[in-house]
C-alpha atoms as a PDB file:
ATOM      1  CA  MET A   1      83.315   5.909   0.182  1.00  0.00           C
ATOM      2  CA  ASP A   2      79.513   5.393   0.344  1.00  0.00           C
ATOM      3  CA  THR A   3      78.508   2.529  -2.459  1.00  0.00           C
ATOM      4  CA  GLU A   4      74.656   3.094  -2.315  1.00  0.00           C
ATOM      5  CA  ALA A   5      73.444   4.522  -5.612  1.00  0.00           C
ATOM      6  CA  GLN A   6      72.235   7.957  -5.252  1.00  0.00           C
ATOM      7  CA  PRO A   7      68.924   8.753  -7.908  1.00  0.00           C
ATOM      8  CA  THR A   8      69.987  11.599 -10.123  1.00  0.00           C
ATOM      9  CA  GLU A   9      67.878  14.277 -11.233  1.00  0.00           C
ATOM     10  CA  ARG A  10      66.638  12.236 -14.286  1.00  0.00           C
ATOM     11  CA  ASP A  11      65.583   9.251 -12.148  1.00  0.00           C
ATOM     12  CA  ARG A  12      63.747  11.276  -9.779  1.00  0.00           C
ATOM     13  CA  SER A  13      61.834  12.809 -12.601  1.00  0.00           C
ATOM     14  CA  SER A  14      60.967   9.520 -14.483  1.00  0.00           C
ATOM     15  CA  ARG A  15      58.882   8.257 -11.515  1.00  0.00           C
ATOM     16  CA  PRO A  16      55.453   8.925 -10.704  1.00  0.00           C
ATOM     17  CA  SER A  17      54.746  10.688  -8.276  1.00  0.00           C
ATOM     18  CA  ARG A  18      52.498  10.006  -4.945  1.00  0.00           C
ATOM     19  CA  SER A  19      49.462  12.078  -6.392  1.00  0.00           C
ATOM     20  CA  GLU A  20      49.973  11.141 -10.022  1.00  0.00           C
ATOM     21  CA  GLU A  21      49.674   7.368  -8.684  1.00  0.00           C
ATOM     22  CA  THR A  22      46.345   7.829  -6.762  1.00  0.00           C
ATOM     23  CA  SER A  23      44.860  10.840  -8.841  1.00  0.00           C
ATOM     24  CA  ASP A  24      42.596   8.384 -10.767  1.00  0.00           C
ATOM     25  CA  THR A  25      41.560   4.716  -8.777  1.00  0.00           C
ATOM     26  CA  ARG A  26      38.609   4.663 -10.565  1.00  0.00           C
ATOM     27  CA  GLY A  27      38.076   1.686 -12.646  1.00  0.00           C
ATOM     28  CA  PRO A  28      36.894   2.180 -16.382  1.00  0.00           C
ATOM     29  CA  GLU A  29      33.223   1.470 -15.521  1.00  0.00           C
ATOM     30  CA  ASP A  30      32.836   4.094 -12.992  1.00  0.00           C
ATOM     31  CA  ARG A  31      34.843   6.585 -15.519  1.00  0.00           C
ATOM     32  CA  SER A  32      32.308   5.792 -18.438  1.00  0.00           C
ATOM     33  CA  ARG A  33      29.223   6.134 -16.111  1.00  0.00           C
ATOM     34  CA  SER A  34      30.241   9.450 -14.841  1.00  0.00           C
ATOM     35  CA  ALA A  35      31.008  10.472 -18.012  1.00  0.00           C
ATOM     36  CA  LEU A  36      27.768   9.454 -19.355  1.00  0.00           C
ATOM     37  CA  VAL A  37      26.020  11.561 -16.483  1.00  0.00           C
ATOM     38  CA  ALA A  38      27.786  14.512 -17.479  1.00  0.00           C
ATOM     39  CA  ARG A  39      27.019  14.233 -21.175  1.00  0.00           C
ATOM     40  CA  VAL A  40      23.525  13.663 -20.333  1.00  0.00           C
ATOM     41  CA  ALA A  41      23.623  16.930 -17.687  1.00  0.00           C
ATOM     42  CA  GLU A  42      25.217  19.109 -20.457  1.00  0.00           C
ATOM     43  CA  TRP A  43      21.799  18.542 -22.761  1.00  0.00           C
ATOM     44  CA  VAL A  44      19.081  19.524 -20.021  1.00  0.00           C
ATOM     45  CA  PRO A  45      18.556  23.049 -18.739  1.00  0.00           C
ATOM     46  CA  GLY A  46      20.260  23.633 -15.205  1.00  0.00           C
ATOM     47  CA  GLY A  47      22.658  20.885 -15.722  1.00  0.00           C
ATOM     48  CA  ARG A  48      23.351  18.163 -12.771  1.00  0.00           C
ATOM     49  CA  ILE A  49      20.728  19.681 -10.518  1.00  0.00           C
ATOM     50  CA  THR A  50      17.861  19.493 -13.097  1.00  0.00           C
ATOM     51  CA  LEU A  51      18.946  16.151 -13.545  1.00  0.00           C
ATOM     52  CA  SER A  52      19.117  15.243 -10.259  1.00  0.00           C
ATOM     53  CA  VAL A  53      15.474  16.744  -9.708  1.00  0.00           C
ATOM     54  CA  LEU A  54      14.295  14.508 -12.910  1.00  0.00           C
ATOM     55  CA  VAL A  55      15.640  11.098 -11.384  1.00  0.00           C
ATOM     56  CA  CYS A  56      13.590  12.001  -8.181  1.00  0.00           C
ATOM     57  CA  LEU A  57      10.672  12.259 -10.086  1.00  0.00           C
ATOM     58  CA  VAL A  58      10.730   9.582 -11.777  1.00  0.00           C
ATOM     59  CA  PHE A  59      11.467   7.235  -9.149  1.00  0.00           C
ATOM     60  CA  ALA A  60       8.755   9.029  -6.984  1.00  0.00           C
ATOM     61  CA  LEU A  61       6.600   8.489  -9.659  1.00  0.00           C
ATOM     62  CA  LEU A  62       7.410   4.637 -10.009  1.00  0.00           C
ATOM     63  CA  LEU A  63       6.872   4.034  -6.376  1.00  0.00           C
ATOM     64  CA  ASN A  64       3.642   5.820  -6.554  1.00  0.00           C
ATOM     65  CA  THR A  65       2.746   3.248  -9.265  1.00  0.00           C
ATOM     66  CA  PHE A  66       3.809   0.097  -8.370  1.00  0.00           C
ATOM     67  CA  VAL A  67       4.533   0.101  -4.439  1.00  0.00           C
ATOM     68  CA  VAL A  68       2.538   2.623  -2.344  1.00  0.00           C
ATOM     69  CA  GLN A  69       0.353   5.311  -2.516  1.00  0.00           C
ATOM     70  CA  PRO A  70      -1.027   8.020  -0.652  1.00  0.00           C
ATOM     71  CA  PHE A  71      -4.575   8.290  -0.183  1.00  0.00           C
ATOM     72  CA  ARG A  72      -6.389  10.766   1.861  1.00  0.00           C
ATOM     73  CA  ILE A  73      -9.777   9.495   3.995  1.00  0.00           C
ATOM     74  CA  PRO A  74     -12.795  11.902   2.236  1.00  0.00           C
ATOM     75  CA  SER A  75     -15.078  10.647   4.690  1.00  0.00           C
ATOM     76  CA  GLY A  76     -16.331   9.367   8.286  1.00  0.00           C
ATOM     77  CA  SER A  77     -17.251   6.131   6.908  1.00  0.00           C
ATOM     78  CA  MET A  78     -14.475   4.530   8.793  1.00  0.00           C
ATOM     79  CA  GLU A  79     -14.520   5.987  11.831  1.00  0.00           C
ATOM     80  CA  ARG A  80     -13.580   5.452  14.979  1.00  0.00           C
ATOM     81  CA  GLU A  81      -9.879   4.069  13.106  1.00  0.00           C
ATOM     82  CA  LEU A  82      -9.518   6.615   9.994  1.00  0.00           C
ATOM     83  CA  ARG A  83     -10.424   9.844  10.469  1.00  0.00           C
ATOM     84  CA  ILE A  84     -11.966  12.337   7.459  1.00  0.00           C
ATOM     85  CA  GLY A  85      -8.335  13.858   6.081  1.00  0.00           C
ATOM     86  CA  ASP A  86      -6.373  11.589   7.484  1.00  0.00           C
ATOM     87  CA  ARG A  87      -3.542  10.512   4.862  1.00  0.00           C
ATOM     88  CA  VAL A  88      -2.928   6.577   4.559  1.00  0.00           C
ATOM     89  CA  LEU A  89      -0.140   4.653   2.854  1.00  0.00           C
ATOM     90  CA  VAL A  90      -1.495   2.166   0.775  1.00  0.00           C
ATOM     91  CA  ASN A  91       0.517  -0.979  -0.010  1.00  0.00           C
ATOM     92  CA  LYS A  92      -0.015  -1.887  -3.647  1.00  0.00           C
ATOM     93  CA  LEU A  93       2.240  -5.229  -3.435  1.00  0.00           C
ATOM     94  CA  ALA A  94       0.351  -6.847  -0.839  1.00  0.00           C
ATOM     95  CA  TYR A  95      -2.438  -8.435  -3.533  1.00  0.00           C
ATOM     96  CA  ARG A  96       0.191  -8.601  -6.566  1.00  0.00           C
ATOM     97  CA  PHE A  97       1.883 -12.007  -6.204  1.00  0.00           C
ATOM     98  CA  GLY A  98      -1.174 -14.333  -5.731  1.00  0.00           C
ATOM     99  CA  ALA A  99      -1.997 -13.016  -2.442  1.00  0.00           C
ATOM    100  CA  GLN A 100      -5.742 -12.265  -1.596  1.00  0.00           C
ATOM    101  CA  PRO A 101      -7.611  -9.897   0.639  1.00  0.00           C
ATOM    102  CA  ARG A 102      -8.173 -11.327   4.053  1.00  0.00           C
ATOM    103  CA  ARG A 103     -11.072 -10.815   6.365  1.00  0.00           C
ATOM    104  CA  GLY A 104     -10.689  -7.976   8.684  1.00  0.00           C
ATOM    105  CA  GLU A 105      -8.293  -5.928   6.381  1.00  0.00           C
ATOM    106  CA  VAL A 106      -8.746  -2.265   5.738  1.00  0.00           C
ATOM    107  CA  VAL A 107      -8.468  -1.886   1.721  1.00  0.00           C
ATOM    108  CA  VAL A 108      -8.565   0.980  -0.952  1.00  0.00           C
ATOM    109  CA  PHE A 109     -10.496   0.096  -4.342  1.00  0.00           C
ATOM    110  CA  ASP A 110     -11.744   1.418  -7.376  1.00  0.00           C
ATOM    111  CA  GLY A 111     -15.452   1.721  -7.001  1.00  0.00           C
ATOM    112  CA  THR A 112     -16.147   2.453 -10.836  1.00  0.00           C
ATOM    113  CA  GLY A 113     -19.005   0.388 -12.296  1.00  0.00           C
ATOM    114  CA  TYR A 114     -19.855  -0.961  -8.726  1.00  0.00           C
ATOM    115  CA  PHE A 115     -19.924   2.088  -6.225  1.00  0.00           C
ATOM    116  CA  GLY A 116     -19.466   4.816  -8.431  1.00  0.00           C
ATOM    117  CA  ASN A 117     -16.434   6.569 -10.083  1.00  0.00           C
ATOM    118  CA  ALA A 118     -14.094   7.096  -7.021  1.00  0.00           C
ATOM    119  CA  ASP A 119     -11.594   5.522  -4.926  1.00  0.00           C
ATOM    120  CA  TYR A 120     -13.261   3.652  -1.566  1.00  0.00           C
ATOM    121  CA  VAL A 121     -11.824   2.762   1.795  1.00  0.00           C
ATOM    122  CA  LYS A 122     -13.440  -0.129   3.669  1.00  0.00           C
ATOM    123  CA  ARG A 123     -13.038  -3.041   5.855  1.00  0.00           C
ATOM    124  CA  VAL A 124     -13.446  -6.741   4.106  1.00  0.00           C
ATOM    125  CA  ALA A 125     -16.017  -8.604   6.005  1.00  0.00           C
ATOM    126  CA  GLY A 126     -16.199 -11.721   3.562  1.00  0.00           C
ATOM    127  CA  VAL A 127     -13.996 -13.077   0.583  1.00  0.00           C
ATOM    128  CA  GLY A 128     -14.994 -15.617  -2.410  1.00  0.00           C
ATOM    129  CA  GLY A 129     -17.251 -17.900  -1.051  1.00  0.00           C
ATOM    130  CA  ASP A 130     -18.293 -16.893   2.251  1.00  0.00           C
ATOM    131  CA  ARG A 131     -21.732 -16.342   3.350  1.00  0.00           C
ATOM    132  CA  VAL A 132     -22.228 -13.206   5.093  1.00  0.00           C
ATOM    133  CA  VAL A 133     -25.130 -12.732   7.230  1.00  0.00           C
ATOM    134  CA  CYS A 134     -26.802  -9.966   9.216  1.00  0.00           C
ATOM    135  CA  CYS A 135     -28.173 -10.240  11.757  1.00  0.00           C
ATOM    136  CA  ASP A 136     -27.716 -12.878  14.882  1.00  0.00           C
ATOM    137  CA  LYS A 137     -29.680 -13.270  17.408  1.00  0.00           C
ATOM    138  CA  GLU A 138     -27.524 -10.868  19.607  1.00  0.00           C
ATOM    139  CA  GLY A 139     -27.517  -8.304  16.222  1.00  0.00           C
ATOM    140  CA  ARG A 140     -23.880  -9.202  15.142  1.00  0.00           C
ATOM    141  CA  LEU A 141     -22.536 -10.218  11.604  1.00  0.00           C
ATOM    142  CA  GLN A 142     -22.479 -13.416  10.845  1.00  0.00           C
ATOM    143  CA  VAL A 143     -19.579 -15.024   8.423  1.00  0.00           C
ATOM    144  CA  ASN A 144     -19.876 -18.824   7.385  1.00  0.00           C
ATOM    145  CA  GLY A 145     -22.034 -19.365  10.548  1.00  0.00           C
ATOM    146  CA  ARG A 146     -19.599 -17.651  13.437  1.00  0.00           C
ATOM    147  CA  SER A 147     -20.739 -14.498  14.935  1.00  0.00           C
ATOM    148  CA  VAL A 148     -18.308 -11.446  14.861  1.00  0.00           C
ATOM    149  CA  ASP A 149     -17.374  -9.180  17.907  1.00  0.00           C
ATOM    150  CA  GLU A 150     -16.793  -6.316  16.089  1.00  0.00           C
ATOM    151  CA  SER A 151     -16.899  -3.775  19.405  1.00  0.00           C
ATOM    152  CA  THR A 152     -12.882  -3.152  18.808  1.00  0.00           C
ATOM    153  CA  PHE A 153     -13.557  -1.455  15.751  1.00  0.00           C
ATOM    154  CA  LEU A 154     -17.036  -0.592  15.155  1.00  0.00           C
ATOM    155  CA  TYR A 155     -18.245   2.979  15.975  1.00  0.00           C
ATOM    156  CA  PRO A 156     -19.744   3.764  19.053  1.00  0.00           C
ATOM    157  CA  GLY A 157     -23.039   3.586  19.340  1.00  0.00           C
ATOM    158  CA  ASP A 158     -23.200   1.845  15.623  1.00  0.00           C
ATOM    159  CA  ILE A 159     -24.764  -1.614  15.230  1.00  0.00           C
ATOM    160  CA  ALA A 160     -24.000  -3.823  12.582  1.00  0.00           C
ATOM    161  CA  SER A 161     -26.303  -3.208  10.053  1.00  0.00           C
ATOM    162  CA  THR A 162     -29.835  -1.532  10.326  1.00  0.00           C
ATOM    163  CA  VAL A 163     -30.388  -3.719   7.040  1.00  0.00           C
ATOM    164  CA  PRO A 164     -30.762  -7.158   7.019  1.00  0.00           C
ATOM    165  CA  PHE A 165     -28.927  -9.319   4.708  1.00  0.00           C
ATOM    166  CA  ASP A 166     -27.944 -13.222   3.647  1.00  0.00           C
ATOM    167  CA  VAL A 167     -25.310 -13.174   0.621  1.00  0.00           C
ATOM    168  CA  VAL A 168     -22.588 -15.743  -0.559  1.00  0.00           C
ATOM    169  CA  VAL A 169     -19.509 -13.801  -1.842  1.00  0.00           C
ATOM    170  CA  PRO A 170     -18.975 -15.166  -5.223  1.00  0.00           C
ATOM    171  CA  ASP A 171     -14.997 -15.956  -6.050  1.00  0.00           C
ATOM    172  CA  GLY A 172     -12.694 -13.601  -7.026  1.00  0.00           C
ATOM    173  CA  THR A 173     -14.592 -10.440  -5.133  1.00  0.00           C
ATOM    174  CA  VAL A 174     -14.988  -9.227  -1.627  1.00  0.00           C
ATOM    175  CA  PHE A 175     -17.565  -7.952   0.678  1.00  0.00           C
ATOM    176  CA  VAL A 176     -16.820  -4.779   2.265  1.00  0.00           C
ATOM    177  CA  LEU A 177     -18.332  -2.859   4.954  1.00  0.00           C
ATOM    178  CA  GLY A 178     -17.651   0.682   6.735  1.00  0.00           C
ATOM    179  CA  ASP A 179     -16.718   0.832  10.005  1.00  0.00           C
ATOM    180  CA  HIS A 180     -18.723   3.962  11.016  1.00  0.00           C
ATOM    181  CA  ARG A 181     -21.870   2.070   9.623  1.00  0.00           C
ATOM    182  CA  SER A 182     -24.500   4.355   9.939  1.00  0.00           C
ATOM    183  CA  ALA A 183     -22.159   6.737   7.690  1.00  0.00           C
ATOM    184  CA  SER A 184     -21.087   4.048   5.306  1.00  0.00           C
ATOM    185  CA  SER A 185     -22.425   3.423   1.904  1.00  0.00           C
ATOM    186  CA  ASP A 186     -20.725  -0.287   1.518  1.00  0.00           C
ATOM    187  CA  SER A 187     -21.472  -3.640  -0.268  1.00  0.00           C
ATOM    188  CA  ARG A 188     -25.316  -3.496   1.851  1.00  0.00           C
ATOM    189  CA  ASP A 189     -26.077  -0.747   0.097  1.00  0.00           C
ATOM    190  CA  HIS A 190     -25.311  -2.115  -3.273  1.00  0.00           C
ATOM    191  CA  LEU A 191     -27.009  -5.317  -3.287  1.00  0.00           C
ATOM    192  CA  GLY A 192     -29.320  -4.892  -5.949  1.00  0.00           C
ATOM    193  CA  SER A 193     -26.894  -2.956  -8.174  1.00  0.00           C
ATOM    194  CA  PRO A 194     -24.522  -4.262 -10.950  1.00  0.00           C
ATOM    195  CA  GLY A 195     -21.732  -6.951  -9.376  1.00  0.00           C
ATOM    196  CA  GLY A 196     -24.440  -7.265  -6.043  1.00  0.00           C
ATOM    197  CA  GLY A 197     -22.739  -4.979  -3.551  1.00  0.00           C
ATOM    198  CA  MET A 198     -19.608  -7.136  -4.309  1.00  0.00           C
ATOM    199  CA  ILE A 199     -15.969  -5.747  -5.276  1.00  0.00           C
ATOM    200  CA  PRO A 200     -13.607  -7.922  -7.753  1.00  0.00           C
ATOM    201  CA  VAL A 201      -9.953  -8.744  -6.243  1.00  0.00           C
ATOM    202  CA  GLY A 202      -8.973  -6.844  -9.419  1.00  0.00           C
ATOM    203  CA  HIS A 203     -10.746  -3.377  -8.751  1.00  0.00           C
ATOM    204  CA  VAL A 204      -8.285  -3.553  -5.112  1.00  0.00           C
ATOM    205  CA  ILE A 205      -5.719  -1.291  -5.419  1.00  0.00           C
ATOM    206  CA  GLY A 206      -4.174  -2.159  -2.137  1.00  0.00           C
ATOM    207  CA  ARG A 207      -4.510  -2.474   1.558  1.00  0.00           C
ATOM    208  CA  ALA A 208      -4.111   0.190   3.541  1.00  0.00           C
ATOM    209  CA  ASP A 209      -0.756  -0.453   6.429  1.00  0.00           C
ATOM    210  CA  TRP A 210      -0.066   2.558   7.811  1.00  0.00           C
ATOM    211  CA  ILE A 211      -2.150   6.388   8.883  1.00  0.00           C
ATOM    212  CA  VAL A 212       1.031   8.662   7.994  1.00  0.00           C
ATOM    213  CA  TRP A 213      -0.581  12.159   8.972  1.00  0.00           C
ATOM    214  CA  PRO A 214      -1.705  13.602  11.052  1.00  0.00           C
ATOM    215  CA  LEU A 215       1.365  12.562  13.380  1.00  0.00           C
ATOM    216  CA  GLY A 216      -0.037  12.896  15.940  1.00  0.00           C
ATOM    217  CA  HIS A 217      -2.401  10.148  14.732  1.00  0.00           C
ATOM    218  CA  ALA A 218       0.333   8.103  12.701  1.00  0.00           C
ATOM    219  CA  THR A 219       0.111   4.362  13.474  1.00  0.00           C
ATOM    220  CA  HIS A 220       0.276   1.204  11.680  1.00  0.00           C
ATOM    221  CA  LEU A 221      -2.959  -0.279  10.639  1.00  0.00           C
ATOM    222  CA  ASP A 222      -3.274  -4.463  11.788  1.00  0.00           C
ATOM    223  CA  ARG A 223      -5.491  -6.574  11.257  1.00  0.00           C
ATOM    224  CA  THR A 224      -8.004  -6.767  13.243  1.00  0.00           C
ATOM    225  CA  GLY A 225      -8.453 -10.430  14.693  1.00  0.00           C
ATOM    226  CA  ALA A 226     -12.147 -10.529  15.341  1.00  0.00           C
ATOM    227  CA  TYR A 227     -12.492 -12.624  11.885  1.00  0.00           C
ATOM    228  CA  ALA A 228      -9.879 -14.912  13.628  1.00  0.00           C
ATOM    229  CA  ARG A 229     -12.384 -17.735  14.343  1.00  0.00           C
ATOM    230  CA  VAL A 230     -14.580 -17.679  11.174  1.00  0.00           C
ATOM    231  CA  PRO A 231     -13.768 -20.657   9.616  1.00  0.00           C
ATOM    232  CA  ALA A 232     -13.268 -21.251   5.704  1.00  0.00           C
ATOM    233  CA  ALA A 233     -16.205 -21.257   3.554  1.00  0.00           C
ATOM    234  CA  ASP A 234     -14.943 -24.605   2.964  1.00  0.00           C
ATOM    235  CA  GLY A 235     -15.128 -25.944   6.259  1.00  0.00           C
ATOM    236  CA  GLY A 236     -11.553 -25.454   6.562  1.00  0.00           C
ATOM    237  CA  HIS A 237      -9.424 -22.704   8.941  1.00  0.00           C
ATOM    238  CA  GLY A 238     -10.332 -18.949   8.309  1.00  0.00           C
END
């Protein structure tokens, strides 16, 4: 006689089915979060779709406020690298954790009270403590006694400056110039204005890191090496 016990109908019915065993594998935390989302979606007109759009908008706002910001180039003052209508991404974290703008970097800043009530894009030619002079015997910009070869980014046909100047950049500020000198209103033009043409580092919105539009002109904006041999104002390395 077969002595193996055969399950009765009651035995079979008392066991949870495989589908019942695997139907809810989420933990209490996952279920709680899902329930919260569902309740919030019930309060919002349009339900989950509207909620998803709102979340994306908030994320984009936070990104734009604290991380990166798109900026449209409004003039030809930074040609040849930046052209009218180009869209650049400004890295707003570049100078937020102790780092300072460096010579040769392209920055976007708020010119209110110094240049005008607008945002501007220029290249940093001098930082706090630097002595910036134009021009040397060859017509070149000179920083801390070292002549700078700007030929890699200066607009073709332009010279370093038609206006002579000799300035010392106060600590906590930067001296900025456009690459298209003959079409740029920059620190040279505001030497007699409040601030002496210098821009406080606190007014610098961020560093222009990428050209993202038009696609055919998209590229990463590297810091020029033209200032690499410029010594620091204190006699150290720049």
